[in-house]
């Protein structure tokens, strides 16, 4: 049976412009988190927006990791 872990990543670094105008947002630390978890035996399984601004910008995402639970 798999076990799951979640890690919150913030999308709050302003950079560039979006296609619809305004300043774009980018994530910080997602690659480091995925590589660190992989070294610990976790597999990246996906992400879920955790918080979002009224204008639609995602502020945080939860990265989802999974691995097989060791047998007891």
PDB file of N, CA and C in Angstrom:
ATOM      1  N   UNK A   1       0.842  -1.169   0.000  1.00  0.00           N
ATOM      2  CA  UNK A   1       0.000   0.000   0.000  1.00  0.00           C
ATOM      3  C   UNK A   1       0.894   1.242   0.000  1.00  0.00           C
ATOM      4  N   UNK A   2       0.608   2.224  -0.855  1.00  0.00           N
ATOM      5  CA  UNK A   2       1.454   3.419  -0.892  1.00  0.00           C
ATOM      6  C   UNK A   2       1.166   4.370   0.265  1.00  0.00           C
ATOM      7  N   UNK A   3       2.183   5.157   0.613  1.00  0.00           N
ATOM      8  CA  UNK A   3       1.997   6.255   1.556  1.00  0.00           C
ATOM      9  C   UNK A   3       2.276   7.553   0.813  1.00  0.00           C
ATOM     10  N   UNK A   4       1.678   8.626   1.280  1.00  0.00           N
ATOM     11  CA  UNK A   4       1.762   9.904   0.588  1.00  0.00           C
ATOM     12  C   UNK A   4       2.306  10.983   1.510  1.00  0.00           C
ATOM     13  N   UNK A   5       3.003  11.956   0.907  1.00  0.00           N
ATOM     14  CA  UNK A   5       3.494  13.128   1.622  1.00  0.00           C
ATOM     15  C   UNK A   5       3.203  14.347   0.762  1.00  0.00           C
ATOM     16  N   UNK A   6       3.016  15.478   1.417  1.00  0.00           N
ATOM     17  CA  UNK A   6       2.700  16.722   0.722  1.00  0.00           C
ATOM     18  C   UNK A   6       3.708  17.783   1.121  1.00  0.00           C
ATOM     19  N   UNK A   7       4.084  18.623   0.177  1.00  0.00           N
ATOM     20  CA  UNK A   7       4.996  19.721   0.452  1.00  0.00           C
ATOM     21  C   UNK A   7       4.457  20.969  -0.243  1.00  0.00           C
ATOM     22  N   UNK A   8       4.273  22.032   0.542  1.00  0.00           N
ATOM     23  CA  UNK A   8       3.718  23.276   0.015  1.00  0.00           C
ATOM     24  C   UNK A   8       4.820  24.121  -0.625  1.00  0.00           C
ATOM     25  N   UNK A   9       4.557  24.594  -1.832  1.00  0.00           N
ATOM     26  CA  UNK A   9       5.482  25.448  -2.575  1.00  0.00           C
ATOM     27  C   UNK A   9       4.772  26.774  -2.839  1.00  0.00           C
ATOM     28  N   UNK A  10       5.473  27.875  -2.584  1.00  0.00           N
ATOM     29  CA  UNK A  10       4.909  29.211  -2.782  1.00  0.00           C
ATOM     30  C   UNK A  10       5.168  29.704  -4.199  1.00  0.00           C
ATOM     31  N   UNK A  11       4.174  30.333  -4.785  1.00  0.00           N
ATOM     32  CA  UNK A  11       4.252  30.901  -6.135  1.00  0.00           C
ATOM     33  C   UNK A  11       4.167  32.413  -6.019  1.00  0.00           C
ATOM     34  N   UNK A  12       5.146  33.012  -5.362  1.00  0.00           N
ATOM     35  CA  UNK A  12       5.002  34.429  -5.085  1.00  0.00           C
ATOM     36  C   UNK A  12       6.136  35.293  -5.629  1.00  0.00           C
ATOM     37  N   UNK A  13       6.963  34.770  -6.489  1.00  0.00           N
ATOM     38  CA  UNK A  13       8.044  35.578  -7.044  1.00  0.00           C
ATOM     39  C   UNK A  13       7.566  36.225  -8.341  1.00  0.00           C
ATOM     40  N   UNK A  14       7.452  37.534  -8.334  1.00  0.00           N
ATOM     41  CA  UNK A  14       6.990  38.241  -9.527  1.00  0.00           C
ATOM     42  C   UNK A  14       8.086  38.240 -10.588  1.00  0.00           C
ATOM     43  N   UNK A  15       7.689  37.891 -11.809  1.00  0.00           N
ATOM     44  CA  UNK A  15       8.652  37.899 -12.914  1.00  0.00           C
ATOM     45  C   UNK A  15       7.906  37.932 -14.234  1.00  0.00           C
ATOM     46  N   UNK A  16       8.274  38.838 -15.119  1.00  0.00           N
ATOM     47  CA  UNK A  16       7.688  38.876 -16.450  1.00  0.00           C
ATOM     48  C   UNK A  16       6.230  39.286 -16.441  1.00  0.00           C
ATOM     49  N   UNK A  17       5.583  39.082 -17.572  1.00  0.00           N
ATOM     50  CA  UNK A  17       4.172  39.441 -17.738  1.00  0.00           C
ATOM     51  C   UNK A  17       3.401  38.242 -18.251  1.00  0.00           C
ATOM     52  N   UNK A  18       2.170  38.131 -17.818  1.00  0.00           N
ATOM     53  CA  UNK A  18       1.325  37.041 -18.293  1.00  0.00           C
ATOM     54  C   UNK A  18       0.708  37.424 -19.636  1.00  0.00           C
ATOM     55  N   UNK A  19       0.156  36.485 -20.341  1.00  0.00           N
ATOM     56  CA  UNK A  19      -0.486  36.736 -21.629  1.00  0.00           C
ATOM     57  C   UNK A  19      -1.679  37.676 -21.510  1.00  0.00           C
ATOM     58  N   UNK A  20      -2.302  37.711 -20.349  1.00  0.00           N
ATOM     59  CA  UNK A  20      -3.499  38.510 -20.151  1.00  0.00           C
ATOM     60  C   UNK A  20      -3.197  39.836 -19.466  1.00  0.00           C
ATOM     61  N   UNK A  21      -1.918  40.193 -19.386  1.00  0.00           N
ATOM     62  CA  UNK A  21      -1.513  41.445 -18.756  1.00  0.00           C
ATOM     63  C   UNK A  21      -1.176  41.259 -17.291  1.00  0.00           C
ATOM     64  N   UNK A  22      -0.406  42.172 -16.777  1.00  0.00           N
ATOM     65  CA  UNK A  22      -0.010  42.124 -15.377  1.00  0.00           C
ATOM     66  C   UNK A  22       1.252  41.315 -15.182  1.00  0.00           C
ATOM     67  N   UNK A  23       1.697  41.295 -13.962  1.00  0.00           N
ATOM     68  CA  UNK A  23       2.929  40.600 -13.605  1.00  0.00           C
ATOM     69  C   UNK A  23       2.657  39.112 -13.428  1.00  0.00           C
ATOM     70  N   UNK A  24       3.504  38.268 -13.980  1.00  0.00           N
ATOM     71  CA  UNK A  24       3.366  36.823 -13.811  1.00  0.00           C
ATOM     72  C   UNK A  24       3.965  36.368 -12.492  1.00  0.00           C
ATOM     73  N   UNK A  25       3.605  35.193 -12.041  1.00  0.00           N
ATOM     74  CA  UNK A  25       4.140  34.618 -10.817  1.00  0.00           C
ATOM     75  C   UNK A  25       4.846  33.318 -11.150  1.00  0.00           C
ATOM     76  N   UNK A  26       5.884  33.003 -10.409  1.00  0.00           N
ATOM     77  CA  UNK A  26       6.601  31.759 -10.641  1.00  0.00           C
ATOM     78  C   UNK A  26       6.813  31.037  -9.316  1.00  0.00           C
ATOM     79  N   UNK A  27       7.023  29.743  -9.382  1.00  0.00           N
ATOM     80  CA  UNK A  27       7.245  28.956  -8.171  1.00  0.00           C
ATOM     81  C   UNK A  27       8.708  29.051  -7.759  1.00  0.00           C
ATOM     82  N   UNK A  28       8.945  28.825  -6.492  1.00  0.00           N
ATOM     83  CA  UNK A  28      10.296  28.803  -5.976  1.00  0.00           C
ATOM     84  C   UNK A  28      10.497  27.525  -5.178  1.00  0.00           C
ATOM     85  N   UNK A  29      11.510  26.773  -5.514  1.00  0.00           N
ATOM     86  CA  UNK A  29      11.869  25.608  -4.736  1.00  0.00           C
ATOM     87  C   UNK A  29      11.262  24.299  -5.192  1.00  0.00           C
ATOM     88  N   UNK A  30      10.471  24.288  -6.251  1.00  0.00           N
ATOM     89  CA  UNK A  30       9.816  23.036  -6.642  1.00  0.00           C
ATOM     90  C   UNK A  30      10.819  21.997  -7.136  1.00  0.00           C
ATOM     91  N   UNK A  31      11.808  22.410  -7.903  1.00  0.00           N
ATOM     92  CA  UNK A  31      12.791  21.435  -8.405  1.00  0.00           C
ATOM     93  C   UNK A  31      13.615  20.854  -7.267  1.00  0.00           C
ATOM     94  N   UNK A  32      14.039  21.712  -6.347  1.00  0.00           N
ATOM     95  CA  UNK A  32      14.821  21.236  -5.206  1.00  0.00           C
ATOM     96  C   UNK A  32      14.010  20.256  -4.357  1.00  0.00           C
ATOM     97  N   UNK A  33      12.734  20.566  -4.155  1.00  0.00           N
ATOM     98  CA  UNK A  33      11.875  19.688  -3.355  1.00  0.00           C
ATOM     99  C   UNK A  33      11.719  18.326  -4.024  1.00  0.00           C
ATOM    100  N   UNK A  34      11.511  18.311  -5.332  1.00  0.00           N
ATOM    101  CA  UNK A  34      11.334  17.041  -6.053  1.00  0.00           C
ATOM    102  C   UNK A  34      12.619  16.221  -6.012  1.00  0.00           C
ATOM    103  N   UNK A  35      13.758  16.855  -6.241  1.00  0.00           N
ATOM    104  CA  UNK A  35      15.036  16.129  -6.207  1.00  0.00           C
ATOM    105  C   UNK A  35      15.356  15.610  -4.806  1.00  0.00           C
ATOM    106  N   UNK A  36      15.078  16.420  -3.773  1.00  0.00           N
ATOM    107  CA  UNK A  36      15.336  15.999  -2.390  1.00  0.00           C
ATOM    108  C   UNK A  36      14.460  14.809  -2.022  1.00  0.00           C
ATOM    109  N   UNK A  37      13.172  14.888  -2.362  1.00  0.00           N
ATOM    110  CA  UNK A  37      12.266  13.776  -2.043  1.00  0.00           C
ATOM    111  C   UNK A  37      12.642  12.511  -2.814  1.00  0.00           C
ATOM    112  N   UNK A  38      13.072  12.677  -4.075  1.00  0.00           N
ATOM    113  CA  UNK A  38      13.486  11.507  -4.869  1.00  0.00           C
ATOM    114  C   UNK A  38      14.673  10.815  -4.206  1.00  0.00           C
ATOM    115  N   UNK A  39      15.608  11.580  -3.680  1.00  0.00           N
ATOM    116  CA  UNK A  39      16.765  10.998  -2.996  1.00  0.00           C
ATOM    117  C   UNK A  39      16.352  10.249  -1.731  1.00  0.00           C
ATOM    118  N   UNK A  40      15.190  10.597  -1.179  1.00  0.00           N
ATOM    119  CA  UNK A  40      14.670   9.929   0.022  1.00  0.00           C
ATOM    120  C   UNK A  40      13.761   8.752  -0.327  1.00  0.00           C
ATOM    121  N   UNK A  41      13.628   8.455  -1.624  1.00  0.00           N
ATOM    122  CA  UNK A  41      12.819   7.313  -2.036  1.00  0.00           C
ATOM    123  C   UNK A  41      11.394   7.633  -2.429  1.00  0.00           C
ATOM    124  N   UNK A  42      11.033   8.913  -2.489  1.00  0.00           N
ATOM    125  CA  UNK A  42       9.693   9.313  -2.875  1.00  0.00           C
ATOM    126  C   UNK A  42       9.617   9.512  -4.380  1.00  0.00           C
ATOM    127  N   UNK A  43       8.435   9.331  -4.953  1.00  0.00           N
ATOM    128  CA  UNK A  43       8.180   9.585  -6.370  1.00  0.00           C
ATOM    129  C   UNK A  43       7.185  10.738  -6.466  1.00  0.00           C
ATOM    130  N   UNK A  44       7.485  11.706  -7.349  1.00  0.00           N
ATOM    131  CA  UNK A  44       6.572  12.827  -7.567  1.00  0.00           C
ATOM    132  C   UNK A  44       5.301  12.285  -8.217  1.00  0.00           C
ATOM    133  N   UNK A  45       4.136  12.613  -7.637  1.00  0.00           N
ATOM    134  CA  UNK A  45       2.867  12.092  -8.141  1.00  0.00           C
ATOM    135  C   UNK A  45       1.964  13.168  -8.726  1.00  0.00           C
ATOM    136  N   UNK A  46       2.229  14.440  -8.465  1.00  0.00           N
ATOM    137  CA  UNK A  46       1.395  15.504  -9.007  1.00  0.00           C
ATOM    138  C   UNK A  46       1.334  16.688  -8.068  1.00  0.00           C
ATOM    139  N   UNK A  47       0.464  17.650  -8.403  1.00  0.00           N
ATOM    140  CA  UNK A  47       0.304  18.815  -7.540  1.00  0.00           C
ATOM    141  C   UNK A  47      -1.144  19.273  -7.541  1.00  0.00           C
ATOM    142  N   UNK A  48      -1.505  19.977  -6.471  1.00  0.00           N
ATOM    143  CA  UNK A  48      -2.846  20.515  -6.299  1.00  0.00           C
ATOM    144  C   UNK A  48      -2.709  21.969  -5.878  1.00  0.00           C
ATOM    145  N   UNK A  49      -3.419  22.903  -6.524  1.00  0.00           N
ATOM    146  CA  UNK A  49      -3.398  24.283  -6.042  1.00  0.00           C
ATOM    147  C   UNK A  49      -3.940  24.332  -4.612  1.00  0.00           C
ATOM    148  N   UNK A  50      -3.188  24.922  -3.700  1.00  0.00           N
ATOM    149  CA  UNK A  50      -3.603  24.958  -2.299  1.00  0.00           C
ATOM    150  C   UNK A  50      -4.273  26.279  -1.929  1.00  0.00           C
ATOM    151  N   UNK A  51      -3.831  27.381  -2.533  1.00  0.00           N
ATOM    152  CA  UNK A  51      -4.499  28.663  -2.312  1.00  0.00           C
ATOM    153  C   UNK A  51      -4.405  29.493  -3.584  1.00  0.00           C
ATOM    154  N   UNK A  52      -5.424  30.310  -3.791  1.00  0.00           N
ATOM    155  CA  UNK A  52      -5.540  31.051  -5.041  1.00  0.00           C
ATOM    156  C   UNK A  52      -6.088  32.444  -4.745  1.00  0.00           C
ATOM    157  N   UNK A  53      -5.596  33.448  -5.469  1.00  0.00           N
ATOM    158  CA  UNK A  53      -6.094  34.819  -5.319  1.00  0.00           C
ATOM    159  C   UNK A  53      -7.424  34.961  -6.058  1.00  0.00           C
ATOM    160  N   UNK A  54      -8.144  36.025  -5.736  1.00  0.00           N
ATOM    161  CA  UNK A  54      -9.440  36.271  -6.366  1.00  0.00           C
ATOM    162  C   UNK A  54      -9.310  36.430  -7.877  1.00  0.00           C
ATOM    163  N   UNK A  55      -8.189  36.944  -8.358  1.00  0.00           N
ATOM    164  CA  UNK A  55      -7.969  37.123  -9.790  1.00  0.00           C
ATOM    165  C   UNK A  55      -7.571  35.854 -10.519  1.00  0.00           C
ATOM    166  N   UNK A  56      -7.438  34.751  -9.792  1.00  0.00           N
ATOM    167  CA  UNK A  56      -7.114  33.480 -10.414  1.00  0.00           C
ATOM    168  C   UNK A  56      -5.673  33.034 -10.262  1.00  0.00           C
ATOM    169  N   UNK A  57      -4.792  33.900  -9.749  1.00  0.00           N
ATOM    170  CA  UNK A  57      -3.394  33.516  -9.578  1.00  0.00           C
ATOM    171  C   UNK A  57      -3.256  32.514  -8.436  1.00  0.00           C
ATOM    172  N   UNK A  58      -2.563  31.439  -8.692  1.00  0.00           N
ATOM    173  CA  UNK A  58      -2.323  30.429  -7.666  1.00  0.00           C
ATOM    174  C   UNK A  58      -1.183  30.917  -6.779  1.00  0.00           C
ATOM    175  N   UNK A  59      -1.406  30.977  -5.470  1.00  0.00           N
ATOM    176  CA  UNK A  59      -0.387  31.441  -4.533  1.00  0.00           C
ATOM    177  C   UNK A  59       0.483  30.312  -4.017  1.00  0.00           C
ATOM    178  N   UNK A  60      -0.119  29.160  -3.721  1.00  0.00           N
ATOM    179  CA  UNK A  60       0.642  27.999  -3.251  1.00  0.00           C
ATOM    180  C   UNK A  60       0.110  26.736  -3.910  1.00  0.00           C
ATOM    181  N   UNK A  61       1.007  25.774  -4.088  1.00  0.00           N
ATOM    182  CA  UNK A  61       0.620  24.451  -4.570  1.00  0.00           C
ATOM    183  C   UNK A  61       1.168  23.422  -3.596  1.00  0.00           C
ATOM    184  N   UNK A  62       0.477  22.321  -3.471  1.00  0.00           N
ATOM    185  CA  UNK A  62       0.976  21.186  -2.696  1.00  0.00           C
ATOM    186  C   UNK A  62       1.516  20.158  -3.673  1.00  0.00           C
ATOM    187  N   UNK A  63       2.821  19.892  -3.584  1.00  0.00           N
ATOM    188  CA  UNK A  63       3.407  18.808  -4.360  1.00  0.00           C
ATOM    189  C   UNK A  63       3.066  17.514  -3.644  1.00  0.00           C
ATOM    190  N   UNK A  64       2.709  16.491  -4.404  1.00  0.00           N
ATOM    191  CA  UNK A  64       2.317  15.211  -3.833  1.00  0.00           C
ATOM    192  C   UNK A  64       3.393  14.187  -4.177  1.00  0.00           C
ATOM    193  N   UNK A  65       3.830  13.454  -3.161  1.00  0.00           N
ATOM    194  CA  UNK A  65       4.843  12.413  -3.330  1.00  0.00           C
ATOM    195  C   UNK A  65       4.294  11.097  -2.796  1.00  0.00           C
ATOM    196  N   UNK A  66       4.735   9.993  -3.398  1.00  0.00           N
ATOM    197  CA  UNK A  66       4.295   8.686  -2.918  1.00  0.00           C
ATOM    198  C   UNK A  66       5.460   7.710  -2.925  1.00  0.00           C
ATOM    199  N   UNK A  67       5.339   6.704  -2.080  1.00  0.00           N
ATOM    200  CA  UNK A  67       6.291   5.592  -2.057  1.00  0.00           C
ATOM    201  C   UNK A  67       5.590   4.403  -1.411  1.00  0.00           C
ATOM    202  N   UNK A  68       6.114   3.248  -1.676  1.00  0.00           N
ATOM    203  CA  UNK A  68       5.530   2.050  -1.076  1.00  0.00           C
ATOM    204  C   UNK A  68       5.887   2.011   0.399  1.00  0.00           C
ATOM    205  N   UNK A  69       4.891   1.735   1.217  1.00  0.00           N
ATOM    206  CA  UNK A  69       5.099   1.599   2.656  1.00  0.00           C
ATOM    207  C   UNK A  69       5.903   0.347   2.935  1.00  0.00           C
ATOM    208  N   UNK A  70       6.913   0.441   3.793  1.00  0.00           N
ATOM    209  CA  UNK A  70       7.660  -0.776   4.139  1.00  0.00           C
ATOM    210  C   UNK A  70       6.750  -1.792   4.836  1.00  0.00           C
ATOM    211  N   UNK A  71       6.968  -3.035   4.556  1.00  0.00           N
ATOM    212  CA  UNK A  71       6.187  -4.099   5.218  1.00  0.00           C
ATOM    213  C   UNK A  71       6.550  -4.156   6.695  1.00  0.00           C
ATOM    214  N   UNK A  72       5.525  -4.335   7.542  1.00  0.00           N
ATOM    215  CA  UNK A  72       5.753  -4.446   8.996  1.00  0.00           C
ATOM    216  C   UNK A  72       6.198  -5.818   9.377  1.00  0.00           C
TER     217      UNK A  72
END
